[in-house]
Amino acid sequence: MYWSGNKVKLEIALAKGKQEHDKRDTAKERDWQREKQRVMRRHNKNA
């Protein structure tokens, strides 16, 4: 919602949620990033 001159304008949009395979890919990528960080922390701690 925003003002345009003396009028208030409102934008409306529709969006679709992620598909099931997209959610699995996102979860897999997030898990990989976490595991990578764990390995790097463990490696740096021992060095």
PDB file of N, CA and C in Angstrom:
ATOM      1  N   MET A   1       0.842  -1.163   0.000  1.00  0.00           N
ATOM      2  CA  MET A   1       0.000   0.000   0.000  1.00  0.00           C
ATOM      3  C   MET A   1       0.896   1.238   0.000  1.00  0.00           C
ATOM      4  N   TYR A   2       0.560   2.195  -0.827  1.00  0.00           N
ATOM      5  CA  TYR A   2       1.352   3.409  -0.900  1.00  0.00           C
ATOM      6  C   TYR A   2       0.493   4.578  -1.385  1.00  0.00           C
ATOM      7  N   TRP A   3       0.991   5.762  -1.152  1.00  0.00           N
ATOM      8  CA  TRP A   3       0.306   6.972  -1.568  1.00  0.00           C
ATOM      9  C   TRP A   3       0.771   7.378  -2.954  1.00  0.00           C
ATOM     10  N   SER A   4      -0.158   7.822  -3.769  1.00  0.00           N
ATOM     11  CA  SER A   4       0.169   8.382  -5.075  1.00  0.00           C
ATOM     12  C   SER A   4      -0.651   9.666  -5.195  1.00  0.00           C
ATOM     13  N   GLY A   5       0.019  10.766  -4.934  1.00  0.00           N
ATOM     14  CA  GLY A   5      -0.709  12.036  -4.892  1.00  0.00           C
ATOM     15  C   GLY A   5      -1.623  12.038  -3.683  1.00  0.00           C
ATOM     16  N   ASN A   6      -2.921  12.212  -3.912  1.00  0.00           N
ATOM     17  CA  ASN A   6      -3.868  12.188  -2.800  1.00  0.00           C
ATOM     18  C   ASN A   6      -4.644  10.869  -2.742  1.00  0.00           C
ATOM     19  N   LYS A   7      -4.170   9.838  -3.450  1.00  0.00           N
ATOM     20  CA  LYS A   7      -4.834   8.534  -3.474  1.00  0.00           C
ATOM     21  C   LYS A   7      -3.946   7.467  -2.841  1.00  0.00           C
ATOM     22  N   VAL A   8      -4.577   6.496  -2.246  1.00  0.00           N
ATOM     23  CA  VAL A   8      -3.848   5.349  -1.707  1.00  0.00           C
ATOM     24  C   VAL A   8      -3.961   4.229  -2.720  1.00  0.00           C
ATOM     25  N   LYS A   9      -2.827   3.643  -3.106  1.00  0.00           N
ATOM     26  CA  LYS A   9      -2.841   2.540  -4.064  1.00  0.00           C
ATOM     27  C   LYS A   9      -2.416   1.262  -3.359  1.00  0.00           C
ATOM     28  N   LEU A  10      -2.947   0.148  -3.815  1.00  0.00           N
ATOM     29  CA  LEU A  10      -2.687  -1.145  -3.206  1.00  0.00           C
ATOM     30  C   LEU A  10      -2.322  -2.132  -4.304  1.00  0.00           C
ATOM     31  N   GLU A  11      -1.227  -2.851  -4.107  1.00  0.00           N
ATOM     32  CA  GLU A  11      -0.813  -3.871  -5.070  1.00  0.00           C
ATOM     33  C   GLU A  11      -1.226  -5.236  -4.543  1.00  0.00           C
ATOM     34  N   ILE A  12      -1.799  -6.044  -5.415  1.00  0.00           N
ATOM     35  CA  ILE A  12      -2.208  -7.399  -5.051  1.00  0.00           C
ATOM     36  C   ILE A  12      -1.517  -8.364  -6.007  1.00  0.00           C
ATOM     37  N   ALA A  13      -0.960  -9.451  -5.446  1.00  0.00           N
ATOM     38  CA  ALA A  13      -0.281 -10.431  -6.288  1.00  0.00           C
ATOM     39  C   ALA A  13      -0.591 -11.837  -5.788  1.00  0.00           C
ATOM     40  N   LEU A  14      -0.542 -12.787  -6.684  1.00  0.00           N
ATOM     41  CA  LEU A  14      -0.717 -14.189  -6.331  1.00  0.00           C
ATOM     42  C   LEU A  14       0.616 -14.894  -6.524  1.00  0.00           C
ATOM     43  N   ALA A  15       0.889 -15.861  -5.675  1.00  0.00           N
ATOM     44  CA  ALA A  15       2.139 -16.604  -5.789  1.00  0.00           C
ATOM     45  C   ALA A  15       1.862 -18.072  -5.527  1.00  0.00           C
ATOM     46  N   LYS A  16       2.648 -18.914  -6.170  1.00  0.00           N
ATOM     47  CA  LYS A  16       2.531 -20.347  -5.940  1.00  0.00           C
ATOM     48  C   LYS A  16       3.618 -20.777  -4.969  1.00  0.00           C
ATOM     49  N   GLY A  17       3.305 -21.749  -4.150  1.00  0.00           N
ATOM     50  CA  GLY A  17       4.300 -22.295  -3.226  1.00  0.00           C
ATOM     51  C   GLY A  17       5.288 -23.170  -3.977  1.00  0.00           C
ATOM     52  N   LYS A  18       6.319 -23.594  -3.270  1.00  0.00           N
ATOM     53  CA  LYS A  18       7.314 -24.464  -3.885  1.00  0.00           C
ATOM     54  C   LYS A  18       6.718 -25.843  -4.133  1.00  0.00           C
ATOM     55  N   GLN A  19       7.170 -26.482  -5.184  1.00  0.00           N
ATOM     56  CA  GLN A  19       6.791 -27.860  -5.447  1.00  0.00           C
ATOM     57  C   GLN A  19       7.542 -28.771  -4.486  1.00  0.00           C
ATOM     58  N   GLU A  20       7.072 -29.981  -4.296  1.00  0.00           N
ATOM     59  CA  GLU A  20       7.680 -30.909  -3.338  1.00  0.00           C
ATOM     60  C   GLU A  20       9.145 -31.201  -3.680  1.00  0.00           C
ATOM     61  N   HIS A  21       9.460 -31.371  -4.974  1.00  0.00           N
ATOM     62  CA  HIS A  21      10.855 -31.664  -5.337  1.00  0.00           C
ATOM     63  C   HIS A  21      11.759 -30.459  -5.074  1.00  0.00           C
ATOM     64  N   ASP A  22      11.224 -29.247  -5.208  1.00  0.00           N
ATOM     65  CA  ASP A  22      12.011 -28.053  -4.897  1.00  0.00           C
ATOM     66  C   ASP A  22      12.322 -27.995  -3.406  1.00  0.00           C
ATOM     67  N   LYS A  23      11.354 -28.387  -2.572  1.00  0.00           N
ATOM     68  CA  LYS A  23      11.569 -28.380  -1.125  1.00  0.00           C
ATOM     69  C   LYS A  23      12.655 -29.376  -0.745  1.00  0.00           C
ATOM     70  N   ARG A  24      12.647 -30.548  -1.400  1.00  0.00           N
ATOM     71  CA  ARG A  24      13.670 -31.557  -1.101  1.00  0.00           C
ATOM     72  C   ARG A  24      15.045 -31.053  -1.508  1.00  0.00           C
ATOM     73  N   ASP A  25      15.134 -30.404  -2.664  1.00  0.00           N
ATOM     74  CA  ASP A  25      16.416 -29.850  -3.121  1.00  0.00           C
ATOM     75  C   ASP A  25      16.924 -28.789  -2.163  1.00  0.00           C
ATOM     76  N   THR A  26      16.033 -27.937  -1.686  1.00  0.00           N
ATOM     77  CA  THR A  26      16.413 -26.876  -0.749  1.00  0.00           C
ATOM     78  C   THR A  26      16.913 -27.475   0.556  1.00  0.00           C
ATOM     79  N   ALA A  27      16.202 -28.488   1.063  1.00  0.00           N
ATOM     80  CA  ALA A  27      16.607 -29.133   2.311  1.00  0.00           C
ATOM     81  C   ALA A  27      17.952 -29.821   2.150  1.00  0.00           C
ATOM     82  N   LYS A  28      18.155 -30.466   1.012  1.00  0.00           N
ATOM     83  CA  LYS A  28      19.419 -31.159   0.763  1.00  0.00           C
ATOM     84  C   LYS A  28      20.572 -30.151   0.714  1.00  0.00           C
ATOM     85  N   GLU A  29      20.360 -29.028   0.058  1.00  0.00           N
ATOM     86  CA  GLU A  29      21.389 -27.990  -0.038  1.00  0.00           C
ATOM     87  C   GLU A  29      21.683 -27.398   1.345  1.00  0.00           C
ATOM     88  N   ARG A  30      20.657 -27.155   2.139  1.00  0.00           N
ATOM     89  CA  ARG A  30      20.844 -26.605   3.479  1.00  0.00           C
ATOM     90  C   ARG A  30      21.627 -27.586   4.357  1.00  0.00           C
ATOM     91  N   ASP A  31      21.275 -28.876   4.286  1.00  0.00           N
ATOM     92  CA  ASP A  31      21.992 -29.887   5.065  1.00  0.00           C
ATOM     93  C   ASP A  31      23.451 -29.970   4.643  1.00  0.00           C
ATOM     94  N   TRP A  32      23.708 -29.877   3.351  1.00  0.00           N
ATOM     95  CA  TRP A  32      25.074 -29.932   2.848  1.00  0.00           C
ATOM     96  C   TRP A  32      25.885 -28.739   3.360  1.00  0.00           C
ATOM     97  N   GLN A  33      25.286 -27.558   3.347  1.00  0.00           N
ATOM     98  CA  GLN A  33      25.985 -26.365   3.835  1.00  0.00           C
ATOM     99  C   GLN A  33      26.323 -26.503   5.319  1.00  0.00           C
ATOM    100  N   ARG A  34      25.390 -27.033   6.113  1.00  0.00           N
ATOM    101  CA  ARG A  34      25.653 -27.246   7.538  1.00  0.00           C
ATOM    102  C   ARG A  34      26.787 -28.234   7.747  1.00  0.00           C
ATOM    103  N   GLU A  35      26.742 -29.333   7.024  1.00  0.00           N
ATOM    104  CA  GLU A  35      27.785 -30.361   7.167  1.00  0.00           C
ATOM    105  C   GLU A  35      29.143 -29.793   6.764  1.00  0.00           C
ATOM    106  N   LYS A  36      29.172 -29.007   5.699  1.00  0.00           N
ATOM    107  CA  LYS A  36      30.411 -28.396   5.243  1.00  0.00           C
ATOM    108  C   LYS A  36      30.986 -27.492   6.329  1.00  0.00           C
ATOM    109  N   GLN A  37      30.116 -26.692   6.975  1.00  0.00           N
ATOM    110  CA  GLN A  37      30.574 -25.807   8.047  1.00  0.00           C
ATOM    111  C   GLN A  37      31.113 -26.600   9.227  1.00  0.00           C
ATOM    112  N   ARG A  38      30.446 -27.708   9.575  1.00  0.00           N
ATOM    113  CA  ARG A  38      30.921 -28.550  10.675  1.00  0.00           C
ATOM    114  C   ARG A  38      32.301 -29.097  10.386  1.00  0.00           C
ATOM    115  N   VAL A  39      32.509 -29.596   9.180  1.00  0.00           N
ATOM    116  CA  VAL A  39      33.806 -30.162   8.799  1.00  0.00           C
ATOM    117  C   VAL A  39      34.883 -29.092   8.844  1.00  0.00           C
ATOM    118  N   MET A  40      34.568 -27.911   8.317  1.00  0.00           N
ATOM    119  CA  MET A  40      35.560 -26.829   8.301  1.00  0.00           C
ATOM    120  C   MET A  40      35.915 -26.394   9.729  1.00  0.00           C
ATOM    121  N   ARG A  41      34.902 -26.293  10.610  1.00  0.00           N
ATOM    122  CA  ARG A  41      35.182 -25.912  11.993  1.00  0.00           C
ATOM    123  C   ARG A  41      36.046 -26.957  12.673  1.00  0.00           C
ATOM    124  N   ARG A  42      35.707 -28.226  12.456  1.00  0.00           N
ATOM    125  CA  ARG A  42      36.450 -29.314  13.072  1.00  0.00           C
ATOM    126  C   ARG A  42      37.896 -29.321  12.554  1.00  0.00           C
ATOM    127  N   HIS A  43      38.068 -29.102  11.263  1.00  0.00           N
ATOM    128  CA  HIS A  43      39.394 -29.088  10.648  1.00  0.00           C
ATOM    129  C   HIS A  43      40.221 -27.915  11.187  1.00  0.00           C
ATOM    130  N   ASN A  44      39.626 -26.739  11.282  1.00  0.00           N
ATOM    131  CA  ASN A  44      40.339 -25.552  11.755  1.00  0.00           C
ATOM    132  C   ASN A  44      40.700 -25.655  13.236  1.00  0.00           C
ATOM    133  N   LYS A  45      39.849 -26.335  13.996  1.00  0.00           N
ATOM    134  CA  LYS A  45      40.104 -26.484  15.426  1.00  0.00           C
ATOM    135  C   LYS A  45      41.322 -27.387  15.649  1.00  0.00           C
ATOM    136  N   ASN A  46      41.476 -28.422  14.819  1.00  0.00           N
ATOM    137  CA  ASN A  46      42.576 -29.366  14.963  1.00  0.00           C
ATOM    138  C   ASN A  46      43.885 -28.852  14.356  1.00  0.00           C
ATOM    139  N   ALA A  47      43.825 -27.879  13.520  1.00  0.00           N
ATOM    140  CA  ALA A  47      45.035 -27.394  12.826  1.00  0.00           C
ATOM    141  C   ALA A  47      45.871 -26.507  13.701  1.00  0.00           C
TER     142      ALA A  47
END
